[in-house]
Amino acid sequence: MADASIDKKIEETVRGTISKLSGLKPSEIDPHAHFVKALGIDSVNIVELTVAIEKDFGITIDDLIISQMYSIDSTVKTVVKIIKSEYE
């Protein structure tokens, strides 16, 4: 899968999950908005997001890395790094 389509698929997954958790429409979510500070997403929601990403992409996200996933943009970058490292 090309990098651009991986990024897009990850962003769609994250945006969709955050939309469900926050009650916002996907188009209303700024990709740089902080999940907790700007969108009111709590730690339980972050766990739900992590599980959804792990399930959709067949990866495992280390607990120490979850703190790097604080916005859609940062989550996409983090997940892409994980996927690339698992296939290298």
PDB file of N, CA and C in Angstrom:
ATOM      1  N   MET A   1       0.853  -1.180   0.000  1.00  0.00           N
ATOM      2  CA  MET A   1       0.000   0.000   0.000  1.00  0.00           C
ATOM      3  C   MET A   1       0.893   1.235   0.000  1.00  0.00           C
ATOM      4  N   ALA A   2       0.594   2.189  -0.819  1.00  0.00           N
ATOM      5  CA  ALA A   2       1.384   3.412  -0.916  1.00  0.00           C
ATOM      6  C   ALA A   2       1.248   4.237   0.354  1.00  0.00           C
ATOM      7  N   ASP A   3       2.298   5.014   0.670  1.00  0.00           N
ATOM      8  CA  ASP A   3       2.296   5.823   1.884  1.00  0.00           C
ATOM      9  C   ASP A   3       1.085   6.735   1.986  1.00  0.00           C
ATOM     10  N   ALA A   4       0.729   7.397   0.884  1.00  0.00           N
ATOM     11  CA  ALA A   4      -0.401   8.330   0.906  1.00  0.00           C
ATOM     12  C   ALA A   4      -1.705   7.618   1.238  1.00  0.00           C
ATOM     13  N   SER A   5      -1.906   6.420   0.709  1.00  0.00           N
ATOM     14  CA  SER A   5      -3.160   5.727   1.003  1.00  0.00           C
ATOM     15  C   SER A   5      -3.160   5.148   2.419  1.00  0.00           C
ATOM     16  N   ILE A   6      -1.992   4.791   2.944  1.00  0.00           N
ATOM     17  CA  ILE A   6      -1.919   4.358   4.345  1.00  0.00           C
ATOM     18  C   ILE A   6      -2.290   5.537   5.242  1.00  0.00           C
ATOM     19  N   ASP A   7      -1.676   6.693   4.985  1.00  0.00           N
ATOM     20  CA  ASP A   7      -1.971   7.890   5.776  1.00  0.00           C
ATOM     21  C   ASP A   7      -3.458   8.219   5.738  1.00  0.00           C
ATOM     22  N   LYS A   8      -4.048   8.161   4.558  1.00  0.00           N
ATOM     23  CA  LYS A   8      -5.471   8.492   4.394  1.00  0.00           C
ATOM     24  C   LYS A   8      -6.356   7.507   5.155  1.00  0.00           C
ATOM     25  N   LYS A   9      -6.047   6.217   5.064  1.00  0.00           N
ATOM     26  CA  LYS A   9      -6.838   5.197   5.751  1.00  0.00           C
ATOM     27  C   LYS A   9      -6.738   5.382   7.269  1.00  0.00           C
ATOM     28  N   ILE A  10      -5.528   5.647   7.758  1.00  0.00           N
ATOM     29  CA  ILE A  10      -5.348   5.874   9.193  1.00  0.00           C
ATOM     30  C   ILE A  10      -6.125   7.110   9.622  1.00  0.00           C
ATOM     31  N   GLU A  11      -6.004   8.189   8.849  1.00  0.00           N
ATOM     32  CA  GLU A  11      -6.724   9.424   9.200  1.00  0.00           C
ATOM     33  C   GLU A  11      -8.234   9.194   9.216  1.00  0.00           C
ATOM     34  N   GLU A  12      -8.762   8.458   8.239  1.00  0.00           N
ATOM     35  CA  GLU A  12     -10.207   8.177   8.204  1.00  0.00           C
ATOM     36  C   GLU A  12     -10.631   7.383   9.434  1.00  0.00           C
ATOM     37  N   THR A  13      -9.832   6.401   9.813  1.00  0.00           N
ATOM     38  CA  THR A  13     -10.142   5.583  10.987  1.00  0.00           C
ATOM     39  C   THR A  13     -10.138   6.429  12.257  1.00  0.00           C
ATOM     40  N   VAL A  14      -9.071   7.223  12.433  1.00  0.00           N
ATOM     41  CA  VAL A  14      -8.944   8.065  13.627  1.00  0.00           C
ATOM     42  C   VAL A  14     -10.051   9.112  13.659  1.00  0.00           C
ATOM     43  N   ARG A  15     -10.276   9.788  12.550  1.00  0.00           N
ATOM     44  CA  ARG A  15     -11.302  10.836  12.476  1.00  0.00           C
ATOM     45  C   ARG A  15     -12.690  10.246  12.771  1.00  0.00           C
ATOM     46  N   GLY A  16     -12.988   9.081  12.217  1.00  0.00           N
ATOM     47  CA  GLY A  16     -14.283   8.438  12.455  1.00  0.00           C
ATOM     48  C   GLY A  16     -14.479   8.060  13.911  1.00  0.00           C
ATOM     49  N   THR A  17     -13.438   7.504  14.510  1.00  0.00           N
ATOM     50  CA  THR A  17     -13.529   7.109  15.919  1.00  0.00           C
ATOM     51  C   THR A  17     -13.656   8.334  16.821  1.00  0.00           C
ATOM     52  N   ILE A  18     -12.856   9.356  16.572  1.00  0.00           N
ATOM     53  CA  ILE A  18     -12.930  10.588  17.372  1.00  0.00           C
ATOM     54  C   ILE A  18     -14.295  11.250  17.194  1.00  0.00           C
ATOM     55  N   SER A  19     -14.841  11.178  16.003  1.00  0.00           N
ATOM     56  CA  SER A  19     -16.169  11.732  15.748  1.00  0.00           C
ATOM     57  C   SER A  19     -17.215  11.045  16.628  1.00  0.00           C
ATOM     58  N   LYS A  20     -17.153   9.719  16.675  1.00  0.00           N
ATOM     59  CA  LYS A  20     -18.101   8.962  17.511  1.00  0.00           C
ATOM     60  C   LYS A  20     -17.924   9.297  18.987  1.00  0.00           C
ATOM     61  N   LEU A  21     -16.681   9.428  19.416  1.00  0.00           N
ATOM     62  CA  LEU A  21     -16.410   9.668  20.833  1.00  0.00           C
ATOM     63  C   LEU A  21     -16.738  11.092  21.266  1.00  0.00           C
ATOM     64  N   SER A  22     -16.557  12.048  20.358  1.00  0.00           N
ATOM     65  CA  SER A  22     -16.749  13.460  20.715  1.00  0.00           C
ATOM     66  C   SER A  22     -18.133  13.991  20.371  1.00  0.00           C
ATOM     67  N   GLY A  23     -18.832  13.306  19.457  1.00  0.00           N
ATOM     68  CA  GLY A  23     -20.127  13.796  19.006  1.00  0.00           C
ATOM     69  C   GLY A  23     -20.018  14.835  17.900  1.00  0.00           C
ATOM     70  N   LEU A  24     -18.811  15.132  17.462  1.00  0.00           N
ATOM     71  CA  LEU A  24     -18.602  16.077  16.364  1.00  0.00           C
ATOM     72  C   LEU A  24     -18.660  15.356  15.026  1.00  0.00           C
ATOM     73  N   LYS A  25     -19.023  16.095  13.985  1.00  0.00           N
ATOM     74  CA  LYS A  25     -18.964  15.530  12.641  1.00  0.00           C
ATOM     75  C   LYS A  25     -17.493  15.410  12.254  1.00  0.00           C
ATOM     76  N   PRO A  26     -17.134  14.382  11.486  1.00  0.00           N
ATOM     77  CA  PRO A  26     -15.729  14.233  11.079  1.00  0.00           C
ATOM     78  C   PRO A  26     -15.144  15.491  10.442  1.00  0.00           C
ATOM     79  N   SER A  27     -15.938  16.185   9.642  1.00  0.00           N
ATOM     80  CA  SER A  27     -15.451  17.394   8.964  1.00  0.00           C
ATOM     81  C   SER A  27     -15.212  18.563   9.923  1.00  0.00           C
ATOM     82  N   GLU A  28     -15.764  18.477  11.134  1.00  0.00           N
ATOM     83  CA  GLU A  28     -15.615  19.551  12.116  1.00  0.00           C
ATOM     84  C   GLU A  28     -14.344  19.409  12.961  1.00  0.00           C
ATOM     85  N   ILE A  29     -13.642  18.302  12.813  1.00  0.00           N
ATOM     86  CA  ILE A  29     -12.488  18.034  13.668  1.00  0.00           C
ATOM     87  C   ILE A  29     -11.206  18.500  12.987  1.00  0.00           C
ATOM     88  N   ASP A  30     -10.563  19.468  13.609  1.00  0.00           N
ATOM     89  CA  ASP A  30      -9.276  19.970  13.128  1.00  0.00           C
ATOM     90  C   ASP A  30      -8.235  18.873  13.361  1.00  0.00           C
ATOM     91  N   PRO A  31      -7.450  18.516  12.338  1.00  0.00           N
ATOM     92  CA  PRO A  31      -6.462  17.447  12.509  1.00  0.00           C
ATOM     93  C   PRO A  31      -5.371  17.761  13.529  1.00  0.00           C
ATOM     94  N   HIS A  32      -5.255  19.034  13.919  1.00  0.00           N
ATOM     95  CA  HIS A  32      -4.248  19.425  14.897  1.00  0.00           C
ATOM     96  C   HIS A  32      -4.837  19.657  16.286  1.00  0.00           C
ATOM     97  N   ALA A  33      -6.160  19.527  16.421  1.00  0.00           N
ATOM     98  CA  ALA A  33      -6.823  19.749  17.712  1.00  0.00           C
ATOM     99  C   ALA A  33      -6.417  18.667  18.709  1.00  0.00           C
ATOM    100  N   HIS A  34      -6.059  19.098  19.908  1.00  0.00           N
ATOM    101  CA  HIS A  34      -5.653  18.181  20.974  1.00  0.00           C
ATOM    102  C   HIS A  34      -6.889  17.404  21.435  1.00  0.00           C
ATOM    103  N   PHE A  35      -6.759  16.072  21.462  1.00  0.00           N
ATOM    104  CA  PHE A  35      -7.897  15.229  21.829  1.00  0.00           C
ATOM    105  C   PHE A  35      -8.479  15.620  23.180  1.00  0.00           C
ATOM    106  N   VAL A  36      -7.647  15.774  24.187  1.00  0.00           N
ATOM    107  CA  VAL A  36      -8.124  16.044  25.540  1.00  0.00           C
ATOM    108  C   VAL A  36      -8.480  17.519  25.723  1.00  0.00           C
ATOM    109  N   LYS A  37      -7.545  18.399  25.392  1.00  0.00           N
ATOM    110  CA  LYS A  37      -7.730  19.826  25.659  1.00  0.00           C
ATOM    111  C   LYS A  37      -8.787  20.480  24.780  1.00  0.00           C
ATOM    112  N   ALA A  38      -8.837  20.118  23.511  1.00  0.00           N
ATOM    113  CA  ALA A  38      -9.760  20.793  22.585  1.00  0.00           C
ATOM    114  C   ALA A  38     -11.047  20.015  22.341  1.00  0.00           C
ATOM    115  N   LEU A  39     -10.960  18.691  22.410  1.00  0.00           N
ATOM    116  CA  LEU A  39     -12.132  17.886  22.045  1.00  0.00           C
ATOM    117  C   LEU A  39     -12.793  17.185  23.226  1.00  0.00           C
ATOM    118  N   GLY A  40     -12.191  17.265  24.410  1.00  0.00           N
ATOM    119  CA  GLY A  40     -12.792  16.657  25.595  1.00  0.00           C
ATOM    120  C   GLY A  40     -12.745  15.139  25.613  1.00  0.00           C
ATOM    121  N   ILE A  41     -11.827  14.565  24.868  1.00  0.00           N
ATOM    122  CA  ILE A  41     -11.671  13.109  24.850  1.00  0.00           C
ATOM    123  C   ILE A  41     -10.924  12.699  26.118  1.00  0.00           C
ATOM    124  N   ASP A  42     -11.447  11.693  26.839  1.00  0.00           N
ATOM    125  CA  ASP A  42     -10.791  11.289  28.089  1.00  0.00           C
ATOM    126  C   ASP A  42      -9.930  10.043  27.876  1.00  0.00           C
ATOM    127  N   SER A  43      -9.290   9.589  28.940  1.00  0.00           N
ATOM    128  CA  SER A  43      -8.354   8.465  28.836  1.00  0.00           C
ATOM    129  C   SER A  43      -9.043   7.170  28.394  1.00  0.00           C
ATOM    130  N   VAL A  44     -10.270   6.973  28.803  1.00  0.00           N
ATOM    131  CA  VAL A  44     -11.011   5.786  28.367  1.00  0.00           C
ATOM    132  C   VAL A  44     -11.242   5.846  26.857  1.00  0.00           C
ATOM    133  N   ASN A  45     -11.577   7.034  26.352  1.00  0.00           N
ATOM    134  CA  ASN A  45     -11.762   7.211  24.911  1.00  0.00           C
ATOM    135  C   ASN A  45     -10.464   6.971  24.146  1.00  0.00           C
ATOM    136  N   ILE A  46      -9.338   7.383  24.715  1.00  0.00           N
ATOM    137  CA  ILE A  46      -8.041   7.153  24.070  1.00  0.00           C
ATOM    138  C   ILE A  46      -7.778   5.653  23.972  1.00  0.00           C
ATOM    139  N   VAL A  47      -8.145   4.911  24.995  1.00  0.00           N
ATOM    140  CA  VAL A  47      -7.997   3.448  24.949  1.00  0.00           C
ATOM    141  C   VAL A  47      -8.883   2.889  23.837  1.00  0.00           C
ATOM    142  N   GLU A  48     -10.112   3.362  23.727  1.00  0.00           N
ATOM    143  CA  GLU A  48     -11.013   2.912  22.655  1.00  0.00           C
ATOM    144  C   GLU A  48     -10.429   3.213  21.281  1.00  0.00           C
ATOM    145  N   LEU A  49      -9.862   4.399  21.125  1.00  0.00           N
ATOM    146  CA  LEU A  49      -9.227   4.771  19.862  1.00  0.00           C
ATOM    147  C   LEU A  49      -8.058   3.843  19.561  1.00  0.00           C
ATOM    148  N   THR A  50      -7.244   3.583  20.558  1.00  0.00           N
ATOM    149  CA  THR A  50      -6.079   2.714  20.385  1.00  0.00           C
ATOM    150  C   THR A  50      -6.507   1.311  19.965  1.00  0.00           C
ATOM    151  N   VAL A  51      -7.511   0.772  20.614  1.00  0.00           N
ATOM    152  CA  VAL A  51      -8.013  -0.565  20.277  1.00  0.00           C
ATOM    153  C   VAL A  51      -8.546  -0.588  18.841  1.00  0.00           C
ATOM    154  N   ALA A  52      -9.263   0.449  18.442  1.00  0.00           N
ATOM    155  CA  ALA A  52      -9.793   0.512  17.070  1.00  0.00           C
ATOM    156  C   ALA A  52      -8.655   0.523  16.049  1.00  0.00           C
ATOM    157  N   ILE A  53      -7.620   1.305  16.321  1.00  0.00           N
ATOM    158  CA  ILE A  53      -6.476   1.373  15.405  1.00  0.00           C
ATOM    159  C   ILE A  53      -5.762   0.025  15.349  1.00  0.00           C
ATOM    160  N   GLU A  54      -5.530  -0.572  16.510  1.00  0.00           N
ATOM    161  CA  GLU A  54      -4.850  -1.870  16.550  1.00  0.00           C
ATOM    162  C   GLU A  54      -5.633  -2.922  15.764  1.00  0.00           C
ATOM    163  N   LYS A  55      -6.936  -2.923  15.946  1.00  0.00           N
ATOM    164  CA  LYS A  55      -7.796  -3.891  15.253  1.00  0.00           C
ATOM    165  C   LYS A  55      -7.803  -3.642  13.741  1.00  0.00           C
ATOM    166  N   ASP A  56      -7.985  -2.394  13.333  1.00  0.00           N
ATOM    167  CA  ASP A  56      -8.079  -2.070  11.904  1.00  0.00           C
ATOM    168  C   ASP A  56      -6.784  -2.297  11.149  1.00  0.00           C
ATOM    169  N   PHE A  57      -5.644  -2.115  11.815  1.00  0.00           N
ATOM    170  CA  PHE A  57      -4.370  -2.190  11.114  1.00  0.00           C
ATOM    171  C   PHE A  57      -3.509  -3.379  11.522  1.00  0.00           C
ATOM    172  N   GLY A  58      -4.009  -4.215  12.432  1.00  0.00           N
ATOM    173  CA  GLY A  58      -3.278  -5.409  12.823  1.00  0.00           C
ATOM    174  C   GLY A  58      -1.938  -5.112  13.474  1.00  0.00           C
ATOM    175  N   ILE A  59      -1.903  -4.071  14.282  1.00  0.00           N
ATOM    176  CA  ILE A  59      -0.666  -3.687  14.960  1.00  0.00           C
ATOM    177  C   ILE A  59      -0.897  -3.660  16.464  1.00  0.00           C
ATOM    178  N   THR A  60       0.201  -3.553  17.199  1.00  0.00           N
ATOM    179  CA  THR A  60       0.143  -3.369  18.639  1.00  0.00           C
ATOM    180  C   THR A  60       0.799  -2.036  18.949  1.00  0.00           C
ATOM    181  N   ILE A  61       0.116  -1.216  19.728  1.00  0.00           N
ATOM    182  CA  ILE A  61       0.645   0.087  20.107  1.00  0.00           C
ATOM    183  C   ILE A  61       1.074   0.015  21.567  1.00  0.00           C
ATOM    184  N   ASP A  62       2.356   0.174  21.798  1.00  0.00           N
ATOM    185  CA  ASP A  62       2.916   0.136  23.141  1.00  0.00           C
ATOM    186  C   ASP A  62       2.310   1.258  23.987  1.00  0.00           C
ATOM    187  N   ASP A  63       2.048   0.957  25.240  1.00  0.00           N
ATOM    188  CA  ASP A  63       1.453   1.950  26.145  1.00  0.00           C
ATOM    189  C   ASP A  63       2.262   3.238  26.221  1.00  0.00           C
ATOM    190  N   LEU A  64       3.574   3.141  26.131  1.00  0.00           N
ATOM    191  CA  LEU A  64       4.424   4.331  26.209  1.00  0.00           C
ATOM    192  C   LEU A  64       4.272   5.231  24.986  1.00  0.00           C
ATOM    193  N   ILE A  65       3.824   4.673  23.875  1.00  0.00           N
ATOM    194  CA  ILE A  65       3.673   5.432  22.636  1.00  0.00           C
ATOM    195  C   ILE A  65       2.325   6.162  22.585  1.00  0.00           C
ATOM    196  N   ILE A  66       1.361   5.695  23.319  1.00  0.00           N
ATOM    197  CA  ILE A  66       0.018   6.280  23.279  1.00  0.00           C
ATOM    198  C   ILE A  66       0.049   7.777  23.594  1.00  0.00           C
ATOM    199  N   SER A  67       0.947   8.200  24.472  1.00  0.00           N
ATOM    200  CA  SER A  67       1.020   9.621  24.828  1.00  0.00           C
ATOM    201  C   SER A  67       1.436  10.493  23.646  1.00  0.00           C
ATOM    202  N   GLN A  68       2.014   9.891  22.615  1.00  0.00           N
ATOM    203  CA  GLN A  68       2.401  10.629  21.414  1.00  0.00           C
ATOM    204  C   GLN A  68       1.205  10.838  20.477  1.00  0.00           C
ATOM    205  N   MET A  69       0.089  10.212  20.791  1.00  0.00           N
ATOM    206  CA  MET A  69      -1.110  10.271  19.959  1.00  0.00           C
ATOM    207  C   MET A  69      -2.110  11.243  20.597  1.00  0.00           C
ATOM    208  N   TYR A  70      -1.889  12.537  20.388  1.00  0.00           N
ATOM    209  CA  TYR A  70      -2.712  13.554  21.054  1.00  0.00           C
ATOM    210  C   TYR A  70      -3.590  14.338  20.093  1.00  0.00           C
ATOM    211  N   SER A  71      -3.463  14.090  18.784  1.00  0.00           N
ATOM    212  CA  SER A  71      -4.297  14.740  17.765  1.00  0.00           C
ATOM    213  C   SER A  71      -4.395  13.777  16.582  1.00  0.00           C
ATOM    214  N   ILE A  72      -5.251  14.080  15.639  1.00  0.00           N
ATOM    215  CA  ILE A  72      -5.337  13.222  14.453  1.00  0.00           C
ATOM    216  C   ILE A  72      -3.991  13.198  13.747  1.00  0.00           C
ATOM    217  N   ASP A  73      -3.404  14.358  13.551  1.00  0.00           N
ATOM    218  CA  ASP A  73      -2.131  14.454  12.848  1.00  0.00           C
ATOM    219  C   ASP A  73      -1.037  13.639  13.546  1.00  0.00           C
ATOM    220  N   SER A  74      -0.890  13.808  14.854  1.00  0.00           N
ATOM    221  CA  SER A  74       0.158  13.077  15.580  1.00  0.00           C
ATOM    222  C   SER A  74      -0.127  11.578  15.607  1.00  0.00           C
ATOM    223  N   THR A  75      -1.390  11.202  15.649  1.00  0.00           N
ATOM    224  CA  THR A  75      -1.749   9.784  15.651  1.00  0.00           C
ATOM    225  C   THR A  75      -1.413   9.141  14.315  1.00  0.00           C
ATOM    226  N   VAL A  76      -1.734   9.816  13.220  1.00  0.00           N
ATOM    227  CA  VAL A  76      -1.401   9.288  11.890  1.00  0.00           C
ATOM    228  C   VAL A  76       0.107   9.081  11.786  1.00  0.00           C
ATOM    229  N   LYS A  77       0.887  10.071  12.182  1.00  0.00           N
ATOM    230  CA  LYS A  77       2.347   9.965  12.105  1.00  0.00           C
ATOM    231  C   LYS A  77       2.869   8.810  12.953  1.00  0.00           C
ATOM    232  N   THR A  78       2.336   8.658  14.156  1.00  0.00           N
ATOM    233  CA  THR A  78       2.770   7.589  15.057  1.00  0.00           C
ATOM    234  C   THR A  78       2.425   6.219  14.490  1.00  0.00           C
ATOM    235  N   VAL A  79       1.203   6.061  13.996  1.00  0.00           N
ATOM    236  CA  VAL A  79       0.777   4.768  13.460  1.00  0.00           C
ATOM    237  C   VAL A  79       1.557   4.414  12.196  1.00  0.00           C
ATOM    238  N   VAL A  80       1.822   5.385  11.344  1.00  0.00           N
ATOM    239  CA  VAL A  80       2.618   5.129  10.137  1.00  0.00           C
ATOM    240  C   VAL A  80       4.005   4.623  10.529  1.00  0.00           C
ATOM    241  N   LYS A  81       4.622   5.234  11.544  1.00  0.00           N
ATOM    242  CA  LYS A  81       5.943   4.781  12.018  1.00  0.00           C
ATOM    243  C   LYS A  81       5.876   3.333  12.494  1.00  0.00           C
ATOM    244  N   ILE A  82       4.833   3.003  13.238  1.00  0.00           N
ATOM    245  CA  ILE A  82       4.682   1.632  13.747  1.00  0.00           C
ATOM    246  C   ILE A  82       4.530   0.661  12.589  1.00  0.00           C
ATOM    247  N   ILE A  83       3.661   0.980  11.644  1.00  0.00           N
ATOM    248  CA  ILE A  83       3.430   0.097  10.498  1.00  0.00           C
ATOM    249  C   ILE A  83       4.730  -0.097   9.714  1.00  0.00           C
ATOM    250  N   LYS A  84       5.429   0.982   9.436  1.00  0.00           N
ATOM    251  CA  LYS A  84       6.690   0.893   8.681  1.00  0.00           C
ATOM    252  C   LYS A  84       7.715   0.045   9.444  1.00  0.00           C
ATOM    253  N   SER A  85       7.806   0.210  10.748  1.00  0.00           N
ATOM    254  CA  SER A  85       8.801  -0.542  11.522  1.00  0.00           C
ATOM    255  C   SER A  85       8.459  -2.035  11.570  1.00  0.00           C
ATOM    256  N   GLU A  86       7.180  -2.373  11.504  1.00  0.00           N
ATOM    257  CA  GLU A  86       6.784  -3.782  11.532  1.00  0.00           C
ATOM    258  C   GLU A  86       7.030  -4.478  10.200  1.00  0.00           C
ATOM    259  N   TYR A  87       7.144  -3.710   9.123  1.00  0.00           N
ATOM    260  CA  TYR A  87       7.327  -4.308   7.806  1.00  0.00           C
ATOM    261  C   TYR A  87       8.735  -4.126   7.271  1.00  0.00           C
ATOM    262  N   GLU A  88       9.636  -3.571   8.068  1.00  0.00           N
ATOM    263  CA  GLU A  88      11.020  -3.385   7.615  1.00  0.00           C
ATOM    264  C   GLU A  88      11.835  -4.608   7.905  1.00  0.00           C
TER     265      GLU A  88
END
